[in-house]
């Protein structure tokens, strides 16, 4: 199951040249760029682990691509996301976010049904990958 989060998620994976072009667009808009990774892409898991600090002063996409390459070497078996943050309104707002790396196998999610008091039915989404301990989910 292909995880669809952020911009471009319904398109085929971006090439490194296309990723660099999107990063350069963020930089040209004056947005800070950051790199994050996770092995639990649940839709409510919005706080992924950060790779380094947000890059506020980068003027060329090559610097971000160097960091992306380093992140892929360490966490290439996980999801890696690039986000562009706009601070022109006085607070940081995500303006662009896309997945730049995926694990080779994406097991997807299961929908669990629970019957509770008063004949209520609750549904919970759980990632199949989250059944294994962190760090062993995509190996």
Protein backbone atom coordinates (compact mmCIF):
# COMPACT_ATOMS: atom_id res chain seq x y z
CA UNK A 1 0.00 0.00 0.00
CA UNK A 2 1.51 3.28 -1.07
CA UNK A 3 1.32 5.96 1.65
CA UNK A 4 -0.13 9.21 0.33
CA UNK A 5 0.83 12.21 2.46
CA UNK A 6 1.69 15.71 1.34
CA UNK A 7 2.08 17.23 -2.08
CA UNK A 8 2.82 14.97 -5.07
CA UNK A 9 1.87 11.81 -3.15
CA UNK A 10 -0.38 10.55 -5.95
CA UNK A 11 2.38 10.97 -8.52
CA UNK A 12 5.25 8.57 -9.13
CA UNK A 13 8.24 9.15 -6.83
CA UNK A 14 10.16 12.31 -7.67
CA UNK A 15 13.65 12.01 -9.08
CA UNK A 16 16.51 13.75 -7.28
CA UNK A 17 16.46 16.46 -9.97
CA UNK A 18 12.75 17.06 -9.35
CA UNK A 19 13.30 17.08 -5.58
CA UNK A 20 16.11 19.62 -6.01
CA UNK A 21 13.82 21.80 -8.16
CA UNK A 22 11.11 21.76 -5.46
CA UNK A 23 13.66 22.60 -2.77
CA UNK A 24 15.00 25.48 -4.87
CA UNK A 25 11.43 26.76 -5.28
CA UNK A 26 11.06 26.79 -1.46
CA UNK A 27 14.36 28.62 -1.07
CA UNK A 28 13.41 31.16 -3.76
CA UNK A 29 10.20 31.88 -1.83
CA UNK A 30 12.24 32.60 1.31
CA UNK A 31 10.95 29.50 3.11
CA UNK A 32 13.02 27.49 5.58
CA UNK A 33 13.48 23.86 4.56
CA UNK A 34 13.75 20.85 6.85
CA UNK A 35 14.17 17.10 6.52
CA UNK A 36 12.28 14.62 8.72
CA UNK A 37 12.08 10.83 8.86
CA UNK A 38 9.88 8.16 10.46
CA UNK A 39 9.11 4.47 10.39
CA UNK A 40 5.52 5.09 11.58
CA UNK A 41 3.72 7.09 8.88
CA UNK A 42 0.31 6.99 10.63
CA UNK A 43 -1.72 10.02 9.48
CA UNK A 44 -1.90 11.33 13.07
CA UNK A 45 1.85 11.02 13.53
CA UNK A 46 2.59 14.54 12.33
CA UNK A 47 5.77 14.96 14.37
CA UNK A 48 8.44 13.02 12.54
CA UNK A 49 12.07 12.92 13.74
CA UNK A 50 14.08 15.85 12.44
CA UNK A 51 17.31 15.36 10.53
CA UNK A 52 19.43 18.19 11.89
CA UNK A 53 18.03 21.68 12.26
CA UNK A 54 15.71 23.55 9.87
CA UNK A 55 17.77 25.21 7.16
CA UNK A 56 16.92 28.91 7.32
CA UNK A 57 19.94 30.38 5.55
CA UNK A 58 20.49 27.95 2.69
CA UNK A 59 20.53 29.69 -0.71
CA UNK A 60 21.12 26.68 -2.94
CA UNK A 61 19.22 23.38 -3.11
CA UNK A 62 22.55 21.53 -3.28
CA UNK A 63 23.04 22.04 0.47
CA UNK A 64 19.67 20.46 1.25
CA UNK A 65 20.32 17.63 -1.22
CA UNK A 66 23.61 16.90 0.59
CA UNK A 67 21.68 16.58 3.85
CA UNK A 68 19.01 14.43 2.14
CA UNK A 69 21.72 12.09 0.83
CA UNK A 70 23.21 11.81 4.33
CA UNK A 71 19.76 11.10 5.79
CA UNK A 72 19.14 8.42 3.15
CA UNK A 73 22.43 6.71 4.05
CA UNK A 74 21.33 6.38 7.67
CA UNK A 75 17.55 6.05 7.32
CA UNK A 76 17.09 4.91 3.73
CA UNK A 77 14.70 2.18 4.90
CA UNK A 78 12.24 4.74 6.31
CA UNK A 79 10.01 7.53 5.09
CA UNK A 80 11.83 10.83 4.61
CA UNK A 81 9.87 14.05 4.18
CA UNK A 82 10.95 17.51 3.06
CA UNK A 83 8.93 20.54 4.18
CA UNK A 84 9.09 24.23 3.35
CA UNK A 85 8.06 26.67 6.11
CA UNK A 86 6.90 30.22 5.47
CA UNK A 87 7.49 32.71 8.33
CA UNK A 88 6.27 35.82 6.46
CA UNK A 89 3.14 36.02 8.66
CA UNK A 90 5.12 36.03 11.91
CA UNK A 91 4.77 32.29 12.54
CA UNK A 92 6.00 29.21 10.72
CA UNK A 93 3.44 27.69 8.36
CA UNK A 94 3.98 24.60 6.24
CA UNK A 95 3.65 25.68 2.61
CA UNK A 96 5.01 22.59 0.89
CA UNK A 97 5.63 19.06 2.16
CA UNK A 98 6.41 15.91 0.24
CA UNK A 99 7.86 12.44 0.75
CA UNK A 100 11.37 12.19 -0.71
CA UNK A 101 12.14 8.60 0.28
CA UNK A 102 10.08 5.47 0.96
CA UNK A 103 10.93 2.02 2.32
CA UNK A 104 11.04 -0.75 -0.30
CA UNK A 105 8.02 -2.45 1.28
CA UNK A 106 5.04 -0.37 2.47
CA UNK A 107 2.74 -2.76 4.39
CA UNK A 108 -0.07 -0.21 4.91
CA UNK A 109 -2.72 -0.03 7.63
CA UNK A 110 -5.44 -2.13 9.20
CA UNK A 111 -8.83 -0.81 10.29
CA UNK A 112 -9.90 -2.24 13.66
CA UNK A 113 -13.55 -2.19 14.75
CA UNK A 114 -14.47 -1.95 18.44
CA UNK A 115 -17.98 -2.16 19.88
CA UNK A 116 -18.28 0.00 23.00
CA UNK A 117 -20.98 0.96 25.51
CA UNK A 118 -24.32 2.11 24.16
CA UNK A 119 -23.93 0.18 20.89
CA UNK A 120 -21.34 2.65 19.71
CA UNK A 121 -18.80 1.46 17.21
CA UNK A 122 -15.30 2.92 17.09
CA UNK A 123 -12.74 2.40 14.38
CA UNK A 124 -8.99 2.66 14.81
CA UNK A 125 -6.35 2.74 12.11
CA UNK A 126 -3.06 0.97 12.94
CA UNK A 127 0.03 0.68 10.80
CA UNK A 128 1.07 -2.94 10.16
CA UNK A 129 4.66 -1.74 10.45
CA UNK A 130 4.05 -0.48 14.02
CA UNK A 131 3.57 -4.08 15.21
CA UNK A 132 7.35 -4.45 15.20
CA UNK A 133 9.69 -2.46 17.47
CA UNK A 134 11.08 0.85 16.22
CA UNK A 135 14.07 0.31 13.97
CA UNK A 136 12.92 -3.19 12.85
CA UNK A 137 9.82 -2.20 10.91
CA UNK A 138 11.17 -2.12 7.35
CA UNK A 139 14.27 -4.31 7.49
